[in-house]
Protein backbone atom coordinates (compact mmCIF):
# COMPACT_ATOMS: atom_id res chain seq x y z
CA MET A 1 -35.60 -21.61 -47.03
CA TYR A 2 -36.11 -18.30 -48.74
CA THR A 3 -36.48 -16.59 -45.35
CA LEU A 4 -33.17 -18.03 -44.12
CA PHE A 5 -31.40 -16.89 -47.28
CA TYR A 6 -32.93 -13.45 -46.93
CA PHE A 7 -31.70 -13.14 -43.31
CA PHE A 8 -28.21 -14.28 -44.30
CA GLU A 9 -28.11 -11.65 -47.05
CA ILE A 10 -28.95 -8.88 -44.60
CA LEU A 11 -26.38 -10.15 -42.09
CA CYS A 12 -23.61 -10.21 -44.71
CA GLN A 13 -24.41 -6.71 -45.87
CA SER A 14 -24.43 -5.45 -42.26
CA THR A 15 -21.06 -7.06 -41.59
CA ILE A 16 -19.54 -5.26 -44.56
CA LEU A 17 -20.90 -1.97 -43.25
CA ILE A 18 -19.20 -2.34 -39.90
CA ARG A 19 -15.86 -2.19 -41.72
CA ASP A 20 -16.91 0.93 -43.59
CA GLY A 21 -19.25 3.16 -41.60
CA SER A 22 -19.64 5.59 -44.50
CA LYS A 23 -21.72 2.98 -46.38
CA LEU A 24 -24.08 2.33 -43.47
CA VAL A 25 -27.21 3.96 -44.86
CA GLY A 26 -26.77 3.01 -48.52
CA GLN A 27 -26.18 -0.69 -47.95
CA LEU A 28 -28.86 -1.34 -45.35
CA THR A 29 -31.58 0.56 -47.19
CA ARG A 30 -30.99 -1.69 -50.22
CA ALA A 31 -31.88 -4.75 -48.14
CA ARG A 32 -35.25 -5.96 -49.29
CA GLY A 33 -38.27 -5.53 -47.09
CA LEU A 34 -36.73 -3.17 -44.49
CA VAL A 35 -39.61 -0.75 -44.49
CA GLY A 36 -38.86 2.48 -42.62
CA TYR A 37 -35.14 1.72 -42.08
CA ASP A 38 -34.09 4.16 -44.75
CA VAL A 39 -35.72 7.04 -42.88
CA ALA A 40 -34.42 6.02 -39.46
CA LEU A 41 -30.87 5.43 -40.60
CA THR A 42 -30.80 8.63 -42.59
CA ARG A 43 -31.66 10.53 -39.42
CA PHE A 44 -28.94 8.60 -37.53
CA SER A 45 -26.36 9.46 -40.18
CA GLU A 46 -27.19 13.14 -39.87
CA THR A 47 -26.46 13.13 -36.12
CA PRO A 48 -22.88 14.41 -35.71
CA ALA A 49 -20.74 11.78 -34.02
CA GLY A 50 -18.83 13.01 -30.94
CA SER A 51 -20.64 16.35 -30.84
CA GLU A 52 -19.54 16.70 -27.20
CA ASN A 53 -16.14 15.67 -25.87
CA LEU A 54 -14.22 16.07 -22.62
CA SER A 55 -12.28 19.11 -23.77
CA GLN A 56 -15.56 21.01 -24.18
CA ILE A 57 -17.19 20.02 -20.89
CA SER A 58 -16.81 21.68 -17.52
CA LEU A 59 -18.44 20.11 -14.47
CA VAL A 60 -18.44 21.16 -10.81
CA TYR A 61 -18.19 19.65 -7.34
CA THR A 62 -18.43 21.16 -3.87
CA ASP A 63 -16.05 21.14 -0.92
CA LYS A 64 -18.76 19.36 1.10
CA GLU A 65 -18.80 16.51 -1.43
CA LEU A 66 -15.03 16.24 -1.18
CA ASP A 67 -15.17 16.26 2.64
CA LEU A 68 -17.79 13.51 2.63
CA PHE A 69 -15.63 11.45 0.27
CA ILE A 70 -12.63 11.90 2.58
CA GLN A 71 -14.62 10.67 5.57
CA THR A 72 -15.68 7.52 3.72
CA ARG A 73 -12.05 6.81 2.77
CA ILE A 74 -10.28 7.43 6.07
CA ASN A 75 -12.68 5.51 8.29
CA GLY A 76 -10.70 2.87 10.18
CA LEU A 77 -7.32 3.79 8.68
CA SER A 78 -4.14 4.59 10.57
CA PRO A 79 -3.28 8.26 11.26
CA LYS A 80 -0.50 8.10 8.66
CA SER A 81 -2.84 6.83 5.94
CA GLN A 82 -5.46 9.42 6.92
CA TYR A 83 -2.86 12.16 6.64
CA TRP A 84 -1.94 11.29 3.06
CA ILE A 85 -5.56 11.07 1.93
CA LYS A 86 -6.37 14.44 3.48
CA ARG A 87 -3.25 15.99 2.02
CA ALA A 88 -3.94 14.69 -1.50
CA CYS A 89 -7.53 15.93 -1.39
CA HIS A 90 -6.39 19.30 -0.05
CA GLU A 91 -3.99 19.68 -2.98
CA PHE A 92 -6.75 18.65 -5.40
CA TRP A 93 -9.15 21.28 -4.07
CA LYS A 94 -6.46 23.94 -4.03
CA LEU A 95 -5.69 23.45 -7.73
CA THR A 96 -9.19 22.78 -9.09
CA GLN A 97 -11.40 24.94 -6.82
CA GLY A 98 -14.44 22.77 -7.54
CA GLU A 99 -13.98 22.58 -11.31
CA ILE A 100 -13.82 19.30 -13.22
CA SER A 101 -12.52 19.96 -16.72
CA TRP A 102 -9.85 18.79 -19.12
CA ASN A 103 -7.56 21.68 -18.24
CA SER A 104 -8.03 21.53 -14.46
CA LEU A 105 -7.36 17.78 -14.27
CA THR A 106 -4.41 17.69 -16.66
CA ASN A 107 -2.89 20.61 -14.73
CA PHE A 108 -3.37 18.68 -11.50
CA ARG A 109 -1.82 15.57 -13.01
CA ASP A 110 1.24 17.57 -14.11
CA TYR A 111 1.45 19.15 -10.66
CA VAL A 112 1.49 15.74 -8.98
CA VAL A 113 4.22 14.47 -11.31
CA ASN A 114 6.39 17.50 -10.58
CA ARG A 115 5.57 17.71 -6.87
CA TRP A 116 6.51 14.12 -5.94
CA THR A 117 9.35 12.12 -7.45
CA SER A 118 8.08 8.71 -6.35
CA SER A 119 6.01 6.78 -8.88
CA ASP A 120 4.15 5.23 -5.93
CA ALA A 121 3.09 8.72 -4.82
CA HIS A 122 1.87 9.50 -8.35
CA ARG A 123 -0.16 6.30 -8.43
CA LYS A 124 -1.68 6.82 -4.99
CA VAL A 125 -2.64 10.49 -5.40
CA LEU A 126 -4.00 10.20 -8.93
CA GLY A 127 -5.74 6.93 -8.05
CA LEU A 128 -7.45 8.66 -5.12
CA VAL A 129 -8.70 11.48 -7.34
CA ASN A 130 -9.90 8.98 -9.92
CA SER A 131 -11.90 7.26 -7.17
CA PHE A 132 -13.39 10.64 -6.26
CA LEU A 133 -14.51 11.14 -9.87
CA LYS A 134 -16.26 7.75 -9.81
CA TYR A 135 -17.81 8.73 -6.48
CA LEU A 136 -19.16 11.94 -8.03
CA ALA A 137 -20.54 10.01 -11.00
CA LYS A 138 -22.59 7.87 -8.64
CA ILE A 139 -23.92 10.49 -6.23
CA ARG A 140 -24.70 12.97 -9.04
CA MET A 141 -25.87 10.20 -11.39
CA ASP A 142 -23.70 11.61 -14.17
CA ILE A 143 -21.28 9.19 -15.85
CA ARG A 144 -19.34 12.08 -17.37
CA TYR A 145 -17.47 12.61 -14.08
CA SER A 146 -15.85 9.17 -14.26
CA ASN A 147 -14.89 9.73 -17.91
CA PHE A 148 -12.54 12.48 -16.78
CA GLY A 149 -10.31 9.80 -15.28
CA LEU A 150 -8.71 9.77 -18.73
CA CYS A 151 -7.06 13.10 -17.87
CA LEU A 152 -5.24 11.53 -14.93
CA GLU A 153 -3.48 8.80 -16.89
CA LEU A 154 0.30 9.05 -16.90
CA SER A 155 2.32 8.97 -20.09
CA ARG A 156 3.58 5.55 -21.06
CA SER A 157 5.94 6.71 -23.78
CA VAL A 158 8.93 6.14 -21.50
CA LYS A 159 8.92 3.04 -19.34
CA GLU A 160 10.99 3.13 -16.20
CA ARG A 161 13.40 0.28 -15.73
CA LYS A 162 12.35 -2.06 -12.96
CA MET A 163 14.55 -1.44 -9.95
CA ILE A 164 15.19 -3.35 -6.76
CA THR A 165 15.42 -1.35 -3.55
CA GLN A 166 18.50 0.79 -3.13
CA ARG A 167 18.29 0.51 0.66
CA ILE A 168 20.56 -2.38 1.59
CA VAL A 169 20.58 -3.19 5.30
CA THR A 170 23.27 -5.62 6.46
CA ILE A 171 23.97 -7.33 9.76
CA GLU A 172 26.91 -4.92 10.12
CA ASP A 173 24.44 -2.03 9.91
CA ILE A 174 22.39 -3.49 12.77
CA SER A 175 25.57 -3.84 14.86
CA SER A 176 26.48 -0.24 13.99
CA ILE A 177 23.05 0.98 15.08
CA LEU A 178 23.36 -0.83 18.41
CA ALA A 179 26.85 0.60 18.91
CA HIS A 180 25.55 4.10 18.15
CA ILE A 181 22.81 3.73 20.77
CA LYS A 182 25.33 2.50 23.34
CA LYS A 183 27.62 5.43 22.57
CA SER A 184 24.74 7.86 23.07
CA HIS A 185 24.13 6.34 26.49
CA ASP A 186 27.82 6.36 27.44
CA GLU A 187 28.02 10.06 26.54
CA GLY A 188 24.98 10.87 28.65
CA LEU A 189 22.72 11.79 25.72
CA ILE A 190 20.06 9.22 26.69
CA ASP A 191 19.24 7.65 30.05
CA LYS A 192 19.42 3.94 30.86
CA TYR A 193 15.71 3.32 30.30
CA ARG A 194 15.76 4.84 26.80
CA TYR A 195 18.98 2.98 26.09
CA GLN A 196 17.29 -0.33 26.85
CA GLN A 197 14.13 0.64 24.96
CA TYR A 198 16.01 1.63 21.81
CA VAL A 199 18.05 -1.56 21.79
CA ALA A 200 14.93 -3.66 22.35
CA ILE A 201 13.05 -2.15 19.42
CA VAL A 202 16.05 -2.54 17.09
CA LEU A 203 16.47 -6.19 18.03
CA PHE A 204 12.75 -6.99 17.91
CA GLY A 205 12.35 -5.29 14.52
CA SER A 206 15.44 -7.00 13.11
CA TYR A 207 14.46 -10.46 14.27
CA THR A 208 10.78 -10.27 13.35
CA GLY A 209 10.53 -7.77 10.46
CA GLN A 210 7.28 -6.28 11.79
CA ARG A 211 6.18 -2.91 10.42
CA SER A 212 7.37 -0.15 12.72
CA MET A 213 4.35 2.19 12.77
CA ALA A 214 1.53 -0.14 11.75
CA THR A 215 2.46 -2.94 14.15
CA ILE A 216 5.39 -2.42 16.55
CA SER A 217 4.18 0.91 17.88
CA LYS A 218 0.78 -0.63 18.75
CA LEU A 219 1.99 -3.66 20.71
CA THR A 220 1.18 -3.67 24.42
CA VAL A 221 2.92 -4.94 27.54
CA GLY A 222 0.12 -7.47 28.06
CA GLN A 223 0.74 -9.07 24.67
CA PHE A 224 4.42 -9.57 25.46
CA ASN A 225 3.67 -10.91 28.95
CA CYS A 226 1.29 -13.46 27.48
CA ALA A 227 3.83 -14.55 24.86
CA LEU A 228 6.74 -14.80 27.32
CA MET A 229 4.82 -17.22 29.53
CA SER A 230 5.12 -19.97 26.91
CA GLU A 231 8.00 -22.36 26.44
CA LYS A 232 7.99 -21.36 22.79
CA PRO A 233 7.26 -17.62 23.05
CA VAL A 234 5.02 -16.47 20.22
CA LEU A 235 3.32 -13.08 20.22
CA LEU A 236 -0.18 -12.78 18.76
CA VAL A 237 -0.53 -9.65 16.61
CA LYS A 238 -4.17 -8.58 16.34
CA SER A 239 -5.73 -7.71 13.01
CA SER A 240 -6.10 -4.09 14.16
CA GLN A 241 -2.32 -3.97 14.67
CA ASP A 242 -1.42 -5.07 11.16
CA LYS A 243 -1.36 -3.01 7.97
CA ILE A 244 -3.28 -5.58 5.93
CA ARG A 245 -5.54 -6.51 8.88
CA MET A 246 -4.12 -10.03 9.17
CA GLU A 247 -3.95 -11.58 12.61
CA HIS A 248 -0.74 -13.60 12.91
CA TYR A 249 1.82 -15.08 15.30
CA VAL A 250 5.31 -13.64 15.69
CA PRO A 251 8.07 -15.78 17.27
CA ILE A 252 10.25 -14.09 19.91
CA HIS A 253 13.92 -14.95 19.48
CA PRO A 254 15.69 -16.37 22.59
CA ASN A 255 18.08 -13.38 22.56
CA LEU A 256 15.07 -11.15 23.24
CA VAL A 257 13.37 -13.04 26.04
CA ASP A 258 15.34 -11.70 29.04
CA LEU A 259 15.34 -8.13 27.76
CA LEU A 260 11.61 -8.05 27.03
CA SER A 261 10.80 -9.67 30.37
CA TYR A 262 12.90 -7.08 32.17
CA LEU A 263 11.33 -4.12 30.34
CA SER A 264 7.77 -5.31 30.98
CA GLU A 265 8.17 -5.62 34.75
CA GLY A 266 5.92 -3.34 36.76
CA LYS A 267 4.09 -1.93 33.73
CA SER A 268 0.36 -1.87 33.13
CA GLU A 269 -0.90 -4.52 30.72
CA ASN A 270 -2.46 -1.92 28.41
CA ASN A 271 0.61 0.30 28.17
CA SER A 272 2.45 0.63 24.88
CA PHE A 273 5.75 -1.22 25.02
CA TRP A 274 7.99 1.00 22.88
CA MET A 275 9.51 4.42 22.51
CA TRP A 276 11.86 5.73 19.84
CA ASN A 277 13.56 9.01 18.95
CA LYS A 278 13.15 9.62 15.22
CA ARG A 279 15.70 12.43 15.25
CA GLN A 280 18.65 10.10 15.66
CA GLN A 281 20.90 10.32 12.59
CA ILE A 282 22.63 6.94 12.26
CA PRO A 283 24.46 6.51 8.90
CA MET A 284 24.08 3.35 6.82
CA SER A 285 27.01 1.54 5.19
CA HIS A 286 25.61 0.88 1.70
CA ASN A 287 23.80 4.12 0.91
CA GLY A 288 23.99 7.78 1.75
CA ASN A 289 20.86 7.75 3.88
CA HIS A 290 20.55 7.56 7.63
CA PHE A 291 18.77 4.79 9.50
CA VAL A 292 14.98 4.77 9.83
CA LEU A 293 12.82 2.22 11.63
CA GLY A 294 11.57 0.81 8.33
CA ASP A 295 15.10 -0.48 7.68
CA LEU A 296 14.58 -3.15 10.35
CA ARG A 297 11.91 -4.80 8.24
CA LYS A 298 14.16 -4.59 5.18
CA PHE A 299 16.95 -6.26 7.15
CA ALA A 300 14.71 -9.19 8.13
CA GLU A 301 13.62 -9.63 4.52
CA GLN A 302 17.10 -9.26 3.01
CA TYR A 303 18.92 -11.32 5.63
CA GLY A 304 16.20 -13.94 5.28
CA ASP A 305 17.46 -14.49 1.74
CA ILE A 306 20.99 -15.02 3.04
CA ILE A 307 20.01 -17.65 5.59
CA GLY A 308 17.50 -19.30 3.25
CA TRP A 309 14.42 -18.46 5.33
CA GLU A 310 11.56 -20.61 4.05
CA GLN A 311 9.13 -18.51 2.02
CA SER A 312 5.84 -19.63 3.57
CA ASN A 313 7.02 -19.01 7.15
CA ARG A 314 8.55 -15.70 6.13
CA ALA A 315 5.43 -14.51 4.29
CA TYR A 316 3.22 -15.38 7.25
CA ILE A 317 5.34 -13.62 9.89
CA LEU A 318 5.95 -10.54 7.74
CA THR A 319 2.36 -10.59 6.37
CA HIS A 320 3.81 -9.88 2.96
CA GLY A 321 2.66 -11.64 -0.18
CA VAL A 322 -0.22 -13.44 1.52
CA SER A 323 -3.07 -12.35 -0.74
CA GLY A 324 -3.34 -15.61 -2.68
CA ILE A 325 -6.19 -18.09 -2.46
CA ASP A 326 -4.03 -20.58 -0.55
CA TRP A 327 -3.64 -18.12 2.34
CA LYS A 328 -7.26 -17.05 2.23
CA HIS A 329 -8.84 -20.49 2.22
CA TYR A 330 -6.30 -23.15 3.20
CA LYS A 331 -3.31 -22.14 5.30
CA HIS A 332 -3.59 -21.53 9.03
CA PRO A 333 -0.22 -22.01 10.81
CA MET A 334 -0.30 -22.96 14.48
CA PRO A 335 1.90 -21.02 16.95
CA ASP A 336 4.25 -23.90 17.84
CA HIS A 337 4.81 -24.70 14.18
CA VAL A 338 5.45 -21.03 13.37
CA TYR A 339 8.07 -20.88 16.13
CA ASP A 340 9.77 -24.18 15.20
CA ASN A 341 10.05 -23.29 11.51
CA TYR A 342 11.31 -19.81 12.33
CA MET A 343 14.02 -21.11 14.65
CA LYS A 344 15.37 -23.46 11.97
CA TYR A 345 16.72 -20.38 10.21
CA TRP A 346 17.15 -17.69 12.87
CA GLN A 347 18.43 -19.69 15.84
CA ASN A 348 22.11 -19.02 15.10
CA VAL A 349 21.64 -15.35 14.16
CA ASN A 350 23.23 -13.54 17.08
CA LEU A 351 22.23 -9.90 17.40
CA LYS A 352 23.19 -8.54 20.79
CA ILE A 353 24.37 -5.38 22.49
CA ARG A 354 27.94 -5.69 23.72
CA ASP A 355 27.44 -4.37 27.23
CA PRO A 356 27.75 -6.64 30.30
CA ASN A 357 25.76 -4.16 32.40
CA PHE A 358 22.98 -3.70 29.86
CA ILE A 359 20.18 -5.35 31.87
CA SER A 360 20.64 -3.72 35.28
CA GLU A 361 19.23 -0.93 37.34
């Protein structure tokens, strides 16, 4: 009983000390029977707390370490993703020259904020450098490298107001894009083959919402031929052709069947199906920007809201918002069901080129 009371007394005294660190030595050394604690705690109290902090430390890294880190990050990524990782690391080396310190990293953080206006760019570049610091901490077995991630944190004193996208893409915009392509052909600026190709990619992107570079540019003639053989044409997108590496089925709208069949005739199965001229400047109706291929995906998403496109079918086809446990462990839509559900909403959406001689030699 006495022993239990004695332990409780020590515990209570220790708890009081946590609230007031200045009394640490005095209180604990008065606890009965703690032989030797007075000496040990006195030595502890004499050790200056925080004798070394980040502002006083300067560490180093080599260009070879940075190159090795880049190789581990870009393996298996698309050329566009590789480009941004290499560019961010190049900027980091240019500004730090192998030095990891408070000044070098805060200067780099300020450079990133001023260099790019997009908050997404800030997050990606600084997040990449923070990962590099953690990488250095592991290979050099020095935790201090990862502690410098504190220097890369952005100020939270001013919170940006949440904004929805300013790029509004309407069905009138899609019609305007098709009319612009037709005009270019009529004026002799593009030949008939490019005319048909450009129209096909605009229609396919608008109807399906697939990512232009990550998916559409990688699709082959063989994939379309296989899909067009079915009564309910559904194209199988491979995991290597999707940004989030999700294999999925994409319905082909009836308005696209004849055009895609015509364009695939006589081509090798392994050939890429598409071509596009990025230099075309096609104005948009609801903003001051010109059309880019990414607007086709935005149209499918935004017009899907107008026609009430069911969320599960939409998420699956667009591979957007499918990271939940239900998609990972339970859902697995079959191609016929994907097509049937899709056509409930898109069947009466009529996107066509107004040209009676469009599909002809």
